[in-house]
PDB file of N, CA and C in Angstrom:
ATOM      1  N   MET A   1     -38.207  24.885  52.123  1.00  0.00           N
ATOM      2  CA  MET A   1     -38.340  23.777  51.323  1.00  0.00           C
ATOM      3  C   MET A   1     -39.248  22.704  51.955  1.00  0.00           C
ATOM      4  N   THR A   2     -39.979  22.051  51.261  1.00  0.00           N
ATOM      5  CA  THR A   2     -40.871  21.214  51.816  1.00  0.00           C
ATOM      6  C   THR A   2     -40.443  19.764  51.624  1.00  0.00           C
ATOM      7  N   LYS A   3     -41.003  18.995  52.595  1.00  0.00           N
ATOM      8  CA  LYS A   3     -40.326  17.780  52.612  1.00  0.00           C
ATOM      9  C   LYS A   3     -40.324  16.951  51.317  1.00  0.00           C
ATOM     10  N   LYS A   4     -41.477  17.145  50.570  1.00  0.00           N
ATOM     11  CA  LYS A   4     -41.545  16.683  49.142  1.00  0.00           C
ATOM     12  C   LYS A   4     -40.365  17.135  48.177  1.00  0.00           C
ATOM     13  N   ASN A   5     -40.024  18.364  48.116  1.00  0.00           N
ATOM     14  CA  ASN A   5     -39.072  18.795  47.556  1.00  0.00           C
ATOM     15  C   ASN A   5     -37.458  18.498  48.042  1.00  0.00           C
ATOM     16  N   VAL A   6     -37.380  18.315  49.234  1.00  0.00           N
ATOM     17  CA  VAL A   6     -36.230  17.753  49.647  1.00  0.00           C
ATOM     18  C   VAL A   6     -35.990  16.359  49.245  1.00  0.00           C
ATOM     19  N   TRP A   7     -36.946  15.528  49.062  1.00  0.00           N
ATOM     20  CA  TRP A   7     -36.916  14.103  48.801  1.00  0.00           C
ATOM     21  C   TRP A   7     -36.551  14.288  47.236  1.00  0.00           C
ATOM     22  N   ILE A   8     -37.130  15.010  46.460  1.00  0.00           N
ATOM     23  CA  ILE A   8     -36.990  14.915  44.933  1.00  0.00           C
ATOM     24  C   ILE A   8     -35.502  15.340  44.858  1.00  0.00           C
ATOM     25  N   ALA A   9     -35.089  16.474  45.332  1.00  0.00           N
ATOM     26  CA  ALA A   9     -33.845  16.965  45.687  1.00  0.00           C
ATOM     27  C   ALA A   9     -32.570  15.820  45.675  1.00  0.00           C
ATOM     28  N   GLY A  10     -32.966  15.225  46.851  1.00  0.00           N
ATOM     29  CA  GLY A  10     -32.140  14.016  47.341  1.00  0.00           C
ATOM     30  C   GLY A  10     -31.965  12.700  46.259  1.00  0.00           C
ATOM     31  N   LEU A  11     -33.298  12.725  45.586  1.00  0.00           N
ATOM     32  CA  LEU A  11     -33.184  11.427  44.687  1.00  0.00           C
ATOM     33  C   LEU A  11     -32.780  11.955  43.254  1.00  0.00           C
ATOM     34  N   ALA A  12     -32.298  13.022  43.160  1.00  0.00           N
ATOM     35  CA  ALA A  12     -31.767  13.831  41.764  1.00  0.00           C
ATOM     36  C   ALA A  12     -30.382  13.230  41.620  1.00  0.00           C
ATOM     37  N   THR A  13     -29.484  13.241  42.680  1.00  0.00           N
ATOM     38  CA  THR A  13     -27.993  12.881  42.694  1.00  0.00           C
ATOM     39  C   THR A  13     -27.874  11.596  42.343  1.00  0.00           C
ATOM     40  N   PRO A  14     -28.715  10.522  43.040  1.00  0.00           N
ATOM     41  CA  PRO A  14     -28.530   9.134  42.854  1.00  0.00           C
ATOM     42  C   PRO A  14     -29.026   8.852  41.326  1.00  0.00           C
ATOM     43  N   VAL A  15     -30.021   9.398  40.893  1.00  0.00           N
ATOM     44  CA  VAL A  15     -30.642   9.073  39.650  1.00  0.00           C
ATOM     45  C   VAL A  15     -29.621   9.653  38.507  1.00  0.00           C
ATOM     46  N   MET A  16     -29.051  10.788  38.652  1.00  0.00           N
ATOM     47  CA  MET A  16     -27.948  11.177  37.818  1.00  0.00           C
ATOM     48  C   MET A  16     -26.723  10.386  37.797  1.00  0.00           C
ATOM     49  N   ILE A  17     -26.466  10.105  39.051  1.00  0.00           N
ATOM     50  CA  ILE A  17     -25.190   8.908  39.072  1.00  0.00           C
ATOM     51  C   ILE A  17     -25.754   7.711  38.253  1.00  0.00           C
ATOM     52  N   ALA A  18     -26.643   7.215  38.372  1.00  0.00           N
ATOM     53  CA  ALA A  18     -27.096   5.845  37.803  1.00  0.00           C
ATOM     54  C   ALA A  18     -27.175   6.116  35.975  1.00  0.00           C
ATOM     55  N   MET A  19     -27.717   7.261  35.729  1.00  0.00           N
ATOM     56  CA  MET A  19     -27.633   7.528  34.312  1.00  0.00           C
ATOM     57  C   MET A  19     -26.286   7.690  33.789  1.00  0.00           C
ATOM     58  N   LEU A  20     -25.369   8.269  34.525  1.00  0.00           N
ATOM     59  CA  LEU A  20     -23.916   8.544  34.134  1.00  0.00           C
ATOM     60  C   LEU A  20     -23.074   7.172  33.717  1.00  0.00           C
ATOM     61  N   LEU A  21     -23.741   6.234  34.900  1.00  0.00           N
ATOM     62  CA  LEU A  21     -22.994   4.891  34.694  1.00  0.00           C
ATOM     63  C   LEU A  21     -23.641   4.062  34.023  1.00  0.00           C
ATOM     64  N   LEU A  22     -24.830   4.257  33.641  1.00  0.00           N
ATOM     65  CA  LEU A  22     -25.619   3.536  32.343  1.00  0.00           C
ATOM     66  C   LEU A  22     -24.871   3.808  31.102  1.00  0.00           C
ATOM     67  N   PHE A  23     -24.682   5.224  30.697  1.00  0.00           N
ATOM     68  CA  PHE A  23     -24.225   5.560  29.497  1.00  0.00           C
ATOM     69  C   PHE A  23     -22.896   5.567  29.429  1.00  0.00           C
ATOM     70  N   ALA A  24     -22.097   5.640  30.530  1.00  0.00           N
ATOM     71  CA  ALA A  24     -20.552   5.269  30.699  1.00  0.00           C
ATOM     72  C   ALA A  24     -20.472   3.672  30.253  1.00  0.00           C
ATOM     73  N   GLY A  25     -21.130   3.124  30.548  1.00  0.00           N
ATOM     74  CA  GLY A  25     -21.045   1.773  30.378  1.00  0.00           C
ATOM     75  C   GLY A  25     -21.257   1.096  28.852  1.00  0.00           C
ATOM     76  N   SER A  26     -21.766   2.044  28.159  1.00  0.00           N
ATOM     77  CA  SER A  26     -22.117   1.935  26.933  1.00  0.00           C
ATOM     78  C   SER A  26     -21.081   1.513  26.080  1.00  0.00           C
ATOM     79  N   PRO A  27     -20.995   0.494  25.082  1.00  0.00           N
ATOM     80  CA  PRO A  27     -19.873   0.299  24.267  1.00  0.00           C
ATOM     81  C   PRO A  27     -19.574   1.538  23.323  1.00  0.00           C
ATOM     82  N   SER A  28     -20.897   2.182  23.001  1.00  0.00           N
ATOM     83  CA  SER A  28     -20.302   3.271  21.831  1.00  0.00           C
ATOM     84  C   SER A  28     -19.578   4.568  22.577  1.00  0.00           C
ATOM     85  N   VAL A  29     -19.520   4.354  24.034  1.00  0.00           N
ATOM     86  CA  VAL A  29     -19.193   5.729  24.432  1.00  0.00           C
ATOM     87  C   VAL A  29     -17.729   5.460  25.234  1.00  0.00           C
ATOM     88  N   ARG A  30     -17.389   4.286  25.392  1.00  0.00           N
ATOM     89  CA  ARG A  30     -16.067   3.683  26.307  1.00  0.00           C
ATOM     90  C   ARG A  30     -15.039   3.781  25.341  1.00  0.00           C
ATOM     91  N   ALA A  31     -13.922   4.725  25.727  1.00  0.00           N
ATOM     92  CA  ALA A  31     -12.721   4.968  25.090  1.00  0.00           C
ATOM     93  C   ALA A  31     -11.800   3.756  25.112  1.00  0.00           C
ATOM     94  N   ASN A  32     -11.965   3.045  26.108  1.00  0.00           N
ATOM     95  CA  ASN A  32     -11.119   1.698  26.332  1.00  0.00           C
ATOM     96  C   ASN A  32     -11.466   0.681  25.047  1.00  0.00           C
ATOM     97  N   ASP A  33     -12.651   0.995  24.298  1.00  0.00           N
ATOM     98  CA  ASP A  33     -12.992  -0.031  23.184  1.00  0.00           C
ATOM     99  C   ASP A  33     -12.135   0.428  21.991  1.00  0.00           C
ATOM    100  N   GLN A  34     -11.352   1.601  21.911  1.00  0.00           N
ATOM    101  CA  GLN A  34     -10.871   2.056  20.792  1.00  0.00           C
ATOM    102  C   GLN A  34      -9.459   1.656  20.697  1.00  0.00           C
ATOM    103  N   PRO A  35      -8.952   0.905  19.813  1.00  0.00           N
ATOM    104  CA  PRO A  35      -7.368   0.393  19.883  1.00  0.00           C
ATOM    105  C   PRO A  35      -6.649   1.850  20.058  1.00  0.00           C
ATOM    106  N   ALA A  36      -5.652   1.721  20.733  1.00  0.00           N
ATOM    107  CA  ALA A  36      -4.682   2.575  21.171  1.00  0.00           C
ATOM    108  C   ALA A  36      -3.415   2.296  19.988  1.00  0.00           C
ATOM    109  N   ALA A  37      -3.070   3.650  19.535  1.00  0.00           N
ATOM    110  CA  ALA A  37      -2.067   3.737  18.842  1.00  0.00           C
ATOM    111  C   ALA A  37      -0.820   3.236  19.342  1.00  0.00           C
ATOM    112  N   THR A  38      -0.015   2.427  18.724  1.00  0.00           N
ATOM    113  CA  THR A  38       1.229   1.569  19.193  1.00  0.00           C
ATOM    114  C   THR A  38       2.412   2.239  18.428  1.00  0.00           C
ATOM    115  N   ASN A  39       3.357   2.689  19.264  1.00  0.00           N
ATOM    116  CA  ASN A  39       4.599   3.013  18.599  1.00  0.00           C
ATOM    117  C   ASN A  39       5.924   2.331  19.141  1.00  0.00           C
ATOM    118  N   ALA A  40       6.828   1.943  18.383  1.00  0.00           N
ATOM    119  CA  ALA A  40       7.899   1.254  18.819  1.00  0.00           C
ATOM    120  C   ALA A  40       9.193   1.929  18.081  1.00  0.00           C
ATOM    121  N   GLU A  41      10.503   1.633  18.511  1.00  0.00           N
ATOM    122  CA  GLU A  41      11.587   2.395  18.058  1.00  0.00           C
ATOM    123  C   GLU A  41      12.709   1.301  17.926  1.00  0.00           C
ATOM    124  N   VAL A  42      13.399   1.580  16.884  1.00  0.00           N
ATOM    125  CA  VAL A  42      14.651   0.798  16.348  1.00  0.00           C
ATOM    126  C   VAL A  42      15.753   1.865  16.305  1.00  0.00           C
ATOM    127  N   LYS A  43      16.884   1.536  17.091  1.00  0.00           N
ATOM    128  CA  LYS A  43      17.803   2.508  17.104  1.00  0.00           C
ATOM    129  C   LYS A  43      19.104   2.033  16.013  1.00  0.00           C
ATOM    130  N   ILE A  44      19.427   2.729  15.160  1.00  0.00           N
ATOM    131  CA  ILE A  44      20.637   2.391  14.113  1.00  0.00           C
ATOM    132  C   ILE A  44      21.774   3.085  14.818  1.00  0.00           C
ATOM    133  N   ASP A  45      22.860   2.315  15.111  1.00  0.00           N
ATOM    134  CA  ASP A  45      23.958   2.550  15.645  1.00  0.00           C
ATOM    135  C   ASP A  45      25.180   1.512  15.561  1.00  0.00           C
ATOM    136  N   ASN A  46      26.408   2.006  15.356  1.00  0.00           N
ATOM    137  CA  ASN A  46      27.461   1.021  15.274  1.00  0.00           C
ATOM    138  C   ASN A  46      27.289   0.087  14.156  1.00  0.00           C
ATOM    139  N   PHE A  47      26.645   0.256  13.037  1.00  0.00           N
ATOM    140  CA  PHE A  47      26.495  -0.575  11.921  1.00  0.00           C
ATOM    141  C   PHE A  47      25.388  -1.617  12.386  1.00  0.00           C
ATOM    142  N   SER A  48      24.494  -1.378  13.185  1.00  0.00           N
ATOM    143  CA  SER A  48      23.529  -2.474  13.564  1.00  0.00           C
ATOM    144  C   SER A  48      22.249  -1.685  13.805  1.00  0.00           C
ATOM    145  N   PHE A  49      21.224  -2.593  13.871  1.00  0.00           N
ATOM    146  CA  PHE A  49      19.781  -2.379  14.391  1.00  0.00           C
ATOM    147  C   PHE A  49      19.637  -2.968  15.637  1.00  0.00           C
ATOM    148  N   GLY A  50      19.048  -2.054  16.378  1.00  0.00           N
ATOM    149  CA  GLY A  50      18.776  -2.382  17.574  1.00  0.00           C
ATOM    150  C   GLY A  50      17.445  -2.149  18.223  1.00  0.00           C
ATOM    151  N   PRO A  51      16.546  -3.038  18.723  1.00  0.00           N
ATOM    152  CA  PRO A  51      16.859  -4.617  18.900  1.00  0.00           C
ATOM    153  C   PRO A  51      16.789  -4.987  17.283  1.00  0.00           C
ATOM    154  N   GLU A  52      17.507  -6.358  17.178  1.00  0.00           N
ATOM    155  CA  GLU A  52      17.723  -6.743  15.784  1.00  0.00           C
ATOM    156  C   GLU A  52      16.407  -7.461  15.366  1.00  0.00           C
ATOM    157  N   THR A  53      15.630  -7.888  16.310  1.00  0.00           N
ATOM    158  CA  THR A  53      14.384  -8.503  16.246  1.00  0.00           C
ATOM    159  C   THR A  53      13.485  -7.626  16.928  1.00  0.00           C
ATOM    160  N   LEU A  54      12.226  -7.281  16.414  1.00  0.00           N
ATOM    161  CA  LEU A  54      11.450  -6.428  17.188  1.00  0.00           C
ATOM    162  C   LEU A  54       9.889  -7.050  16.965  1.00  0.00           C
ATOM    163  N   THR A  55       9.371  -7.450  18.056  1.00  0.00           N
ATOM    164  CA  THR A  55       7.977  -8.050  17.884  1.00  0.00           C
ATOM    165  C   THR A  55       6.914  -7.167  18.490  1.00  0.00           C
ATOM    166  N   VAL A  56       5.876  -6.734  17.749  1.00  0.00           N
ATOM    167  CA  VAL A  56       4.950  -5.758  18.063  1.00  0.00           C
ATOM    168  C   VAL A  56       3.532  -6.308  17.493  1.00  0.00           C
ATOM    169  N   PRO A  57       2.553  -5.478  17.970  1.00  0.00           N
ATOM    170  CA  PRO A  57       1.066  -5.862  17.636  1.00  0.00           C
ATOM    171  C   PRO A  57       0.772  -5.271  16.296  1.00  0.00           C
ATOM    172  N   VAL A  58      -0.300  -5.688  15.578  1.00  0.00           N
ATOM    173  CA  VAL A  58      -0.607  -5.126  14.306  1.00  0.00           C
ATOM    174  C   VAL A  58      -1.043  -3.576  14.455  1.00  0.00           C
ATOM    175  N   GLY A  59      -0.847  -3.002  13.819  1.00  0.00           N
ATOM    176  CA  GLY A  59      -1.259  -1.482  13.830  1.00  0.00           C
ATOM    177  C   GLY A  59      -0.032  -0.440  14.350  1.00  0.00           C
ATOM    178  N   THR A  60       1.004  -1.310  14.841  1.00  0.00           N
ATOM    179  CA  THR A  60       2.091  -0.537  15.255  1.00  0.00           C
ATOM    180  C   THR A  60       2.808   0.405  14.396  1.00  0.00           C
ATOM    181  N   THR A  61       3.372   1.757  14.615  1.00  0.00           N
ATOM    182  CA  THR A  61       4.410   2.342  13.838  1.00  0.00           C
ATOM    183  C   THR A  61       5.628   2.210  14.370  1.00  0.00           C
ATOM    184  N   VAL A  62       6.670   1.569  13.726  1.00  0.00           N
ATOM    185  CA  VAL A  62       8.109   1.475  14.024  1.00  0.00           C
ATOM    186  C   VAL A  62       8.783   2.708  13.390  1.00  0.00           C
ATOM    187  N   THR A  63       9.376   3.340  14.349  1.00  0.00           N
ATOM    188  CA  THR A  63      10.450   4.514  13.925  1.00  0.00           C
ATOM    189  C   THR A  63      12.068   4.069  14.056  1.00  0.00           C
ATOM    190  N   TRP A  64      12.782   4.046  12.861  1.00  0.00           N
ATOM    191  CA  TRP A  64      14.033   3.820  13.075  1.00  0.00           C
ATOM    192  C   TRP A  64      14.763   5.210  13.029  1.00  0.00           C
ATOM    193  N   THR A  65      15.704   5.422  13.852  1.00  0.00           N
ATOM    194  CA  THR A  65      16.502   6.493  14.121  1.00  0.00           C
ATOM    195  C   THR A  65      17.943   6.358  13.879  1.00  0.00           C
ATOM    196  N   ASN A  66      18.419   6.976  12.822  1.00  0.00           N
ATOM    197  CA  ASN A  66      19.974   6.788  12.564  1.00  0.00           C
ATOM    198  C   ASN A  66      20.830   7.463  13.737  1.00  0.00           C
ATOM    199  N   GLN A  67      21.352   6.761  14.866  1.00  0.00           N
ATOM    200  CA  GLN A  67      22.326   7.491  15.634  1.00  0.00           C
ATOM    201  C   GLN A  67      23.597   7.297  15.315  1.00  0.00           C
ATOM    202  N   ASP A  68      24.055   6.636  14.169  1.00  0.00           N
ATOM    203  CA  ASP A  68      25.536   6.472  13.585  1.00  0.00           C
ATOM    204  C   ASP A  68      25.946   7.669  13.090  1.00  0.00           C
ATOM    205  N   ASP A  69      27.293   7.690  12.781  1.00  0.00           N
ATOM    206  CA  ASP A  69      27.795   9.014  12.336  1.00  0.00           C
ATOM    207  C   ASP A  69      27.785   9.029  10.608  1.00  0.00           C
ATOM    208  N   ILE A  70      27.407   7.909  10.182  1.00  0.00           N
ATOM    209  CA  ILE A  70      27.237   7.558   8.697  1.00  0.00           C
ATOM    210  C   ILE A  70      25.923   7.390   8.356  1.00  0.00           C
ATOM    211  N   PRO A  71      25.674   7.567   6.832  1.00  0.00           N
ATOM    212  CA  PRO A  71      24.204   7.368   6.553  1.00  0.00           C
ATOM    213  C   PRO A  71      23.789   5.927   6.491  1.00  0.00           C
ATOM    214  N   HIS A  72      22.357   5.579   6.378  1.00  0.00           N
ATOM    215  CA  HIS A  72      22.069   4.262   6.457  1.00  0.00           C
ATOM    216  C   HIS A  72      20.660   4.402   5.916  1.00  0.00           C
ATOM    217  N   THR A  73      20.095   3.069   5.270  1.00  0.00           N
ATOM    218  CA  THR A  73      18.860   3.124   5.105  1.00  0.00           C
ATOM    219  C   THR A  73      18.130   1.835   5.537  1.00  0.00           C
ATOM    220  N   VAL A  74      16.836   1.970   5.642  1.00  0.00           N
ATOM    221  CA  VAL A  74      15.694   0.533   6.099  1.00  0.00           C
ATOM    222  C   VAL A  74      14.938   0.229   4.940  1.00  0.00           C
ATOM    223  N   VAL A  75      15.565  -1.006   4.519  1.00  0.00           N
ATOM    224  CA  VAL A  75      14.647  -1.484   3.396  1.00  0.00           C
ATOM    225  C   VAL A  75      14.222  -2.907   3.599  1.00  0.00           C
ATOM    226  N   SER A  76      12.895  -3.119   3.336  1.00  0.00           N
ATOM    227  CA  SER A  76      12.367  -4.386   3.462  1.00  0.00           C
ATOM    228  C   SER A  76      12.823  -5.338   2.469  1.00  0.00           C
ATOM    229  N   THR A  77      13.421  -6.687   2.675  1.00  0.00           N
ATOM    230  CA  THR A  77      13.539  -7.559   1.812  1.00  0.00           C
ATOM    231  C   THR A  77      12.567  -7.876   0.847  1.00  0.00           C
ATOM    232  N   ASP A  78      11.281  -7.791   1.269  1.00  0.00           N
ATOM    233  CA  ASP A  78      10.086  -8.083   0.401  1.00  0.00           C
ATOM    234  C   ASP A  78       9.489  -6.653  -0.457  1.00  0.00           C
ATOM    235  N   GLY A  79      10.105  -5.766  -0.289  1.00  0.00           N
ATOM    236  CA  GLY A  79       9.511  -4.792  -0.947  1.00  0.00           C
ATOM    237  C   GLY A  79       8.529  -3.783  -0.222  1.00  0.00           C
ATOM    238  N   VAL A  80       8.102  -4.197   1.022  1.00  0.00           N
ATOM    239  CA  VAL A  80       7.143  -3.511   1.513  1.00  0.00           C
ATOM    240  C   VAL A  80       7.395  -2.096   2.121  1.00  0.00           C
ATOM    241  N   PHE A  81       8.566  -1.947   2.400  1.00  0.00           N
ATOM    242  CA  PHE A  81       9.006  -0.497   2.642  1.00  0.00           C
ATOM    243  C   PHE A  81      10.378  -0.225   2.553  1.00  0.00           C
ATOM    244  N   LYS A  82      10.803   0.973   2.175  1.00  0.00           N
ATOM    245  CA  LYS A  82      12.206   1.533   1.856  1.00  0.00           C
ATOM    246  C   LYS A  82      12.221   2.836   2.283  1.00  0.00           C
ATOM    247  N   SER A  83      13.124   3.348   2.888  1.00  0.00           N
ATOM    248  CA  SER A  83      13.609   4.606   3.136  1.00  0.00           C
ATOM    249  C   SER A  83      14.473   5.015   2.184  1.00  0.00           C
ATOM    250  N   LYS A  84      14.869   6.507   2.448  1.00  0.00           N
ATOM    251  CA  LYS A  84      15.652   7.091   1.767  1.00  0.00           C
ATOM    252  C   LYS A  84      16.860   7.165   2.713  1.00  0.00           C
ATOM    253  N   VAL A  85      18.131   7.282   2.087  1.00  0.00           N
ATOM    254  CA  VAL A  85      19.389   7.496   2.894  1.00  0.00           C
ATOM    255  C   VAL A  85      19.118   8.378   4.164  1.00  0.00           C
ATOM    256  N   ARG A  86      19.073   8.040   5.306  1.00  0.00           N
ATOM    257  CA  ARG A  86      18.943   8.569   6.605  1.00  0.00           C
ATOM    258  C   ARG A  86      20.423   9.213   7.139  1.00  0.00           C
ATOM    259  N   ASP A  87      20.661  10.337   7.206  1.00  0.00           N
ATOM    260  CA  ASP A  87      21.785  11.095   7.957  1.00  0.00           C
ATOM    261  C   ASP A  87      21.554  10.994   9.447  1.00  0.00           C
ATOM    262  N   THR A  88      22.772  11.241  10.222  1.00  0.00           N
ATOM    263  CA  THR A  88      22.553  11.348  11.810  1.00  0.00           C
ATOM    264  C   THR A  88      21.540  11.855  12.064  1.00  0.00           C
ATOM    265  N   ASP A  89      20.724  11.195  13.246  1.00  0.00           N
ATOM    266  CA  ASP A  89      19.625  11.886  13.767  1.00  0.00           C
ATOM    267  C   ASP A  89      18.336  11.720  12.849  1.00  0.00           C
ATOM    268  N   GLU A  90      18.323  11.520  11.732  1.00  0.00           N
ATOM    269  CA  GLU A  90      17.126  11.401  10.971  1.00  0.00           C
ATOM    270  C   GLU A  90      16.412   9.873  11.062  1.00  0.00           C
ATOM    271  N   LYS A  91      15.093   9.994  10.734  1.00  0.00           N
ATOM    272  CA  LYS A  91      14.109   8.965  11.139  1.00  0.00           C
ATOM    273  C   LYS A  91      13.619   8.721   9.936  1.00  0.00           C
ATOM    274  N   PHE A  92      13.088   7.354  10.114  1.00  0.00           N
ATOM    275  CA  PHE A  92      12.300   6.592   9.022  1.00  0.00           C
ATOM    276  C   PHE A  92      11.134   5.967   9.889  1.00  0.00           C
ATOM    277  N   SER A  93       9.629   6.075   9.418  1.00  0.00           N
ATOM    278  CA  SER A  93       8.691   5.301  10.189  1.00  0.00           C
ATOM    279  C   SER A  93       7.775   4.733   9.132  1.00  0.00           C
ATOM    280  N   TYR A  94       7.266   3.449   9.467  1.00  0.00           N
ATOM    281  CA  TYR A  94       6.368   2.636   8.898  1.00  0.00           C
ATOM    282  C   TYR A  94       5.303   1.799   9.785  1.00  0.00           C
ATOM    283  N   THR A  95       3.986   2.125   9.371  1.00  0.00           N
ATOM    284  CA  THR A  95       3.196   1.543  10.150  1.00  0.00           C
ATOM    285  C   THR A  95       2.879   0.078   9.567  1.00  0.00           C
ATOM    286  N   PHE A  96       2.839  -1.034  10.650  1.00  0.00           N
ATOM    287  CA  PHE A  96       2.595  -2.413  10.283  1.00  0.00           C
ATOM    288  C   PHE A  96       1.103  -2.702  10.251  1.00  0.00           C
ATOM    289  N   ALA A  97       0.469  -2.971   9.169  1.00  0.00           N
ATOM    290  CA  ALA A  97      -0.896  -2.997   9.090  1.00  0.00           C
ATOM    291  C   ALA A  97      -1.497  -4.724   9.286  1.00  0.00           C
ATOM    292  N   LYS A  98      -0.531  -5.357   8.792  1.00  0.00           N
ATOM    293  CA  LYS A  98      -0.911  -6.890   8.826  1.00  0.00           C
ATOM    294  C   LYS A  98       0.218  -7.674   9.444  1.00  0.00           C
ATOM    295  N   ALA A  99      -0.383  -8.690   9.947  1.00  0.00           N
ATOM    296  CA  ALA A  99       0.754  -9.699  10.752  1.00  0.00           C
ATOM    297  C   ALA A  99       1.595 -10.164   9.811  1.00  0.00           C
ATOM    298  N   GLY A 100       2.863 -10.671  10.338  1.00  0.00           N
ATOM    299  CA  GLY A 100       3.800 -11.363   9.569  1.00  0.00           C
ATOM    300  C   GLY A 100       5.119 -10.975  10.075  1.00  0.00           C
ATOM    301  N   THR A 101       6.184 -11.494   9.274  1.00  0.00           N
ATOM    302  CA  THR A 101       7.525 -11.363   9.722  1.00  0.00           C
ATOM    303  C   THR A 101       7.989 -10.453   8.511  1.00  0.00           C
ATOM    304  N   TYR A 102       8.526  -9.360   8.710  1.00  0.00           N
ATOM    305  CA  TYR A 102       9.162  -8.297   7.864  1.00  0.00           C
ATOM    306  C   TYR A 102      10.681  -8.171   8.118  1.00  0.00           C
ATOM    307  N   PRO A 103      11.600  -9.198   7.329  1.00  0.00           N
ATOM    308  CA  PRO A 103      12.869  -8.837   7.402  1.00  0.00           C
ATOM    309  C   PRO A 103      13.203  -7.568   6.611  1.00  0.00           C
ATOM    310  N   TYR A 104      14.457  -6.918   7.254  1.00  0.00           N
ATOM    311  CA  TYR A 104      14.989  -5.646   6.391  1.00  0.00           C
ATOM    312  C   TYR A 104      16.529  -5.558   6.485  1.00  0.00           C
ATOM    313  N   TYR A 105      17.062  -4.738   5.736  1.00  0.00           N
ATOM    314  CA  TYR A 105      18.548  -4.531   5.697  1.00  0.00           C
ATOM    315  C   TYR A 105      18.785  -3.065   5.464  1.00  0.00           C
ATOM    316  N   CYS A 106      20.078  -2.748   5.705  1.00  0.00           N
ATOM    317  CA  CYS A 106      20.553  -1.262   5.174  1.00  0.00           C
ATOM    318  C   CYS A 106      21.113  -1.714   3.756  1.00  0.00           C
ATOM    319  N   SER A 107      20.544  -0.719   2.704  1.00  0.00           N
ATOM    320  CA  SER A 107      21.155  -0.939   1.379  1.00  0.00           C
ATOM    321  C   SER A 107      22.637  -0.428   1.196  1.00  0.00           C
ATOM    322  N   VAL A 108      22.953   0.325   1.937  1.00  0.00           N
ATOM    323  CA  VAL A 108      24.335   0.915   1.853  1.00  0.00           C
ATOM    324  C   VAL A 108      25.295  -0.143   2.466  1.00  0.00           C
ATOM    325  N   HIS A 109      25.008  -0.769   3.548  1.00  0.00           N
ATOM    326  CA  HIS A 109      25.734  -1.825   4.349  1.00  0.00           C
ATOM    327  C   HIS A 109      24.688  -3.061   4.420  1.00  0.00           C
ATOM    328  N   PRO A 110      24.596  -3.926   3.236  1.00  0.00           N
ATOM    329  CA  PRO A 110      23.902  -4.831   3.420  1.00  0.00           C
ATOM    330  C   PRO A 110      23.911  -6.119   4.416  1.00  0.00           C
ATOM    331  N   LYS A 111      25.154  -6.132   5.218  1.00  0.00           N
ATOM    332  CA  LYS A 111      25.411  -7.097   6.288  1.00  0.00           C
ATOM    333  C   LYS A 111      24.573  -6.742   7.579  1.00  0.00           C
ATOM    334  N   MET A 112      24.038  -5.326   7.388  1.00  0.00           N
ATOM    335  CA  MET A 112      23.142  -4.905   8.566  1.00  0.00           C
ATOM    336  C   MET A 112      21.667  -5.474   8.437  1.00  0.00           C
ATOM    337  N   THR A 113      21.201  -6.049   9.245  1.00  0.00           N
ATOM    338  CA  THR A 113      19.927  -6.718   9.009  1.00  0.00           C
ATOM    339  C   THR A 113      19.141  -6.597  10.229  1.00  0.00           C
ATOM    340  N   GLY A 114      17.831  -6.757  10.148  1.00  0.00           N
ATOM    341  CA  GLY A 114      16.795  -6.621  11.317  1.00  0.00           C
ATOM    342  C   GLY A 114      15.745  -7.287  10.776  1.00  0.00           C
ATOM    343  N   LYS A 115      14.490  -7.414  11.856  1.00  0.00           N
ATOM    344  CA  LYS A 115      13.325  -8.204  11.465  1.00  0.00           C
ATOM    345  C   LYS A 115      12.282  -7.316  12.464  1.00  0.00           C
ATOM    346  N   VAL A 116      11.103  -7.476  11.929  1.00  0.00           N
ATOM    347  CA  VAL A 116       9.815  -6.881  12.671  1.00  0.00           C
ATOM    348  C   VAL A 116       9.004  -7.968  12.562  1.00  0.00           C
ATOM    349  N   VAL A 117       8.615  -8.490  13.672  1.00  0.00           N
ATOM    350  CA  VAL A 117       7.526  -9.619  13.804  1.00  0.00           C
ATOM    351  C   VAL A 117       6.477  -8.777  14.081  1.00  0.00           C
ATOM    352  N   VAL A 118       5.189  -9.050  13.494  1.00  0.00           N
ATOM    353  CA  VAL A 118       3.961  -8.484  13.611  1.00  0.00           C
ATOM    354  C   VAL A 118       3.013  -9.470  14.090  1.00  0.00           C
ATOM    355  N   GLN A 119       2.385  -9.523  15.259  1.00  0.00           N
ATOM    356  CA  GLN A 119       1.413 -10.374  15.747  1.00  0.00           C
ATOM    357  C   GLN A 119      -0.071  -9.628  15.927  1.00  0.00           C
TER     358      GLN A 119
END
């Protein structure tokens, strides 16, 4: 290999690294710029929602899981979401697309209440 070829080969690596860094730094390529899907859970047990108040960012999917021995529902007081009756270990999920406060209750046991605060 001649001295000129060694120099070009030695230059290829730094040039390729620089190009990769340039393109990796481009906003259209960066994965970090994409909003991550967020999930949160509420457990239904002993005639209560836990946590009773849950604060989440916009776009979060909340999943309620009935861990009680009797059926329950998850019903928004504003009519935004409404589950069917959920037996033991059954789940209900809803994705919150707008900021706001979403109070809810169990229609089978109306004294069971909870709230999702979306920021």
